[in-house]
Amino acid sequence: MDFIKSLREIDRTDVPRAGGKGASLGELAKMGVPVPTGFVVLASTFEQFFKETDVNTEVDAMWKRINIKDNESIEESSEIIRNLILAKQFPEKIAGEISSAFDKLRVSLFV
């Protein structure tokens, strides 16, 4: 599974999986506009992270407790969800692919 894509591999058709900013940068790169070398972590990576760490079960439980009419409840729940996600170990496949992409960026900076 691909967790990342180079900016040069994406375009405006990739908004759902690469996000608006990433897809726009990819589109600009394809048009020949100077765009820094970079990559996008795809939306499917987030989904895979949730699946492999089983954090979705905990997050779903939090969603059920949120009172959407109470800003304080939303803020507290958001903080708890963020901490649940941050406490999880990145799956090796995902971490490896992102790390490899960063390594390629470093190499291109010094060439």
Protein backbone atom coordinates (compact mmCIF):
# COMPACT_ATOMS: atom_id res chain seq x y z
CA MET A 1 0.00 0.00 0.00
CA ASP A 2 1.24 3.48 -0.82
CA PHE A 3 1.14 5.79 2.15
CA ILE A 4 2.77 8.76 0.45
CA LYS A 5 3.01 10.27 -3.00
CA SER A 6 5.54 12.71 -4.41
CA LEU A 7 4.07 16.09 -5.27
CA ARG A 8 5.04 15.36 -8.85
CA GLU A 9 2.82 12.25 -8.84
CA ILE A 10 -0.42 13.99 -7.92
CA ASP A 11 -2.75 16.56 -9.45
CA ARG A 12 -6.17 18.13 -8.92
CA THR A 13 -7.91 14.78 -9.38
CA ASP A 14 -6.21 13.59 -6.17
CA VAL A 15 -7.93 16.03 -3.78
CA PRO A 16 -9.86 13.27 -1.93
CA ARG A 17 -6.70 11.30 -1.17
CA ALA A 18 -4.01 14.00 -1.10
CA GLY A 19 -5.92 17.01 0.19
CA GLY A 20 -6.47 20.34 -1.50
CA LYS A 21 -3.06 21.86 -0.81
CA GLY A 22 -1.13 18.78 -1.84
CA ALA A 23 -3.14 18.33 -5.02
CA SER A 24 -2.72 22.01 -5.89
CA LEU A 25 1.04 21.82 -5.41
CA GLY A 26 1.13 18.71 -7.58
CA GLU A 27 -0.88 20.47 -10.27
CA LEU A 28 1.48 23.45 -10.19
CA ALA A 29 4.51 21.16 -10.46
CA LYS A 30 3.01 19.45 -13.51
CA MET A 31 2.47 22.87 -15.11
CA GLY A 32 6.17 23.64 -14.71
CA VAL A 33 5.80 26.10 -11.85
CA PRO A 34 8.79 25.84 -9.49
CA VAL A 35 7.54 23.86 -6.49
CA PRO A 36 9.83 22.58 -3.74
CA THR A 37 10.44 18.86 -3.75
CA GLY A 38 8.03 17.24 -1.35
CA PHE A 39 5.46 14.58 -0.69
CA VAL A 40 1.97 14.15 0.67
CA VAL A 41 0.89 11.67 3.32
CA LEU A 42 -2.29 10.23 1.83
CA ALA A 43 -5.65 10.10 3.59
CA SER A 44 -5.56 6.31 3.37
CA THR A 45 -2.50 6.41 5.64
CA PHE A 46 -4.59 7.91 8.41
CA GLU A 47 -7.26 5.27 7.86
CA GLN A 48 -4.64 2.50 7.97
CA PHE A 49 -3.13 3.98 11.14
CA PHE A 50 -6.56 3.91 12.81
CA LYS A 51 -7.14 0.33 11.67
CA GLU A 52 -3.74 -1.06 12.72
CA THR A 53 -3.63 0.67 16.11
CA ASP A 54 -7.32 0.02 16.85
CA VAL A 55 -7.62 3.62 18.01
CA ASN A 56 -10.88 3.84 16.08
CA THR A 57 -12.66 1.89 18.83
CA GLU A 58 -11.60 4.43 21.44
CA VAL A 59 -12.37 7.40 19.19
CA ASP A 60 -15.81 6.02 18.33
CA ALA A 61 -16.56 5.75 22.05
CA MET A 62 -15.58 9.41 22.50
CA TRP A 63 -17.81 10.49 19.60
CA LYS A 64 -20.79 8.94 21.36
CA ARG A 65 -20.13 11.02 24.49
CA ILE A 66 -19.68 14.41 22.81
CA ASN A 67 -22.43 16.95 23.39
CA ILE A 68 -22.30 18.87 20.11
CA LYS A 69 -24.27 21.73 21.67
CA ASP A 70 -21.61 22.28 24.32
CA ASN A 71 -18.33 23.84 23.14
CA GLU A 72 -16.56 22.77 26.32
CA SER A 73 -17.57 19.14 25.71
CA ILE A 74 -16.29 19.39 22.14
CA GLU A 75 -12.97 20.90 23.25
CA GLU A 76 -12.44 18.33 26.02
CA SER A 77 -13.31 15.43 23.74
CA SER A 78 -11.06 16.77 20.99
CA GLU A 79 -8.17 16.93 23.44
CA ILE A 80 -8.80 13.37 24.59
CA ILE A 81 -9.02 12.10 21.01
CA ARG A 82 -5.82 13.92 20.06
CA ASN A 83 -4.01 12.38 23.03
CA LEU A 84 -5.35 8.90 22.18
CA ILE A 85 -3.94 9.23 18.67
CA LEU A 86 -0.60 10.65 19.83
CA ALA A 87 -0.17 7.83 22.36
CA LYS A 88 -0.24 5.17 19.63
CA GLN A 89 2.91 3.75 18.09
CA PHE A 90 3.18 4.34 14.35
CA PRO A 91 2.95 1.04 12.46
CA GLU A 92 6.36 0.13 11.02
CA LYS A 93 5.15 0.03 7.40
CA ILE A 94 3.83 3.57 7.60
CA ALA A 95 6.79 4.94 9.55
CA GLY A 96 9.23 3.27 7.15
CA GLU A 97 7.64 4.74 4.05
CA ILE A 98 7.48 8.25 5.51
CA SER A 99 11.05 7.99 6.79
CA SER A 100 12.23 6.84 3.37
CA ALA A 101 10.50 9.80 1.72
CA PHE A 102 12.22 12.19 4.15
CA ASP A 103 15.57 10.55 3.40
CA LYS A 104 15.02 11.14 -0.33
CA LEU A 105 14.26 14.80 0.39
CA ARG A 106 17.51 15.18 2.31
CA VAL A 107 19.48 13.59 -0.52
CA SER A 108 17.93 15.92 -3.10
CA LEU A 109 18.83 18.95 -0.96
CA PHE A 110 22.51 18.11 -1.12
CA VAL A 111 22.74 17.13 -4.79
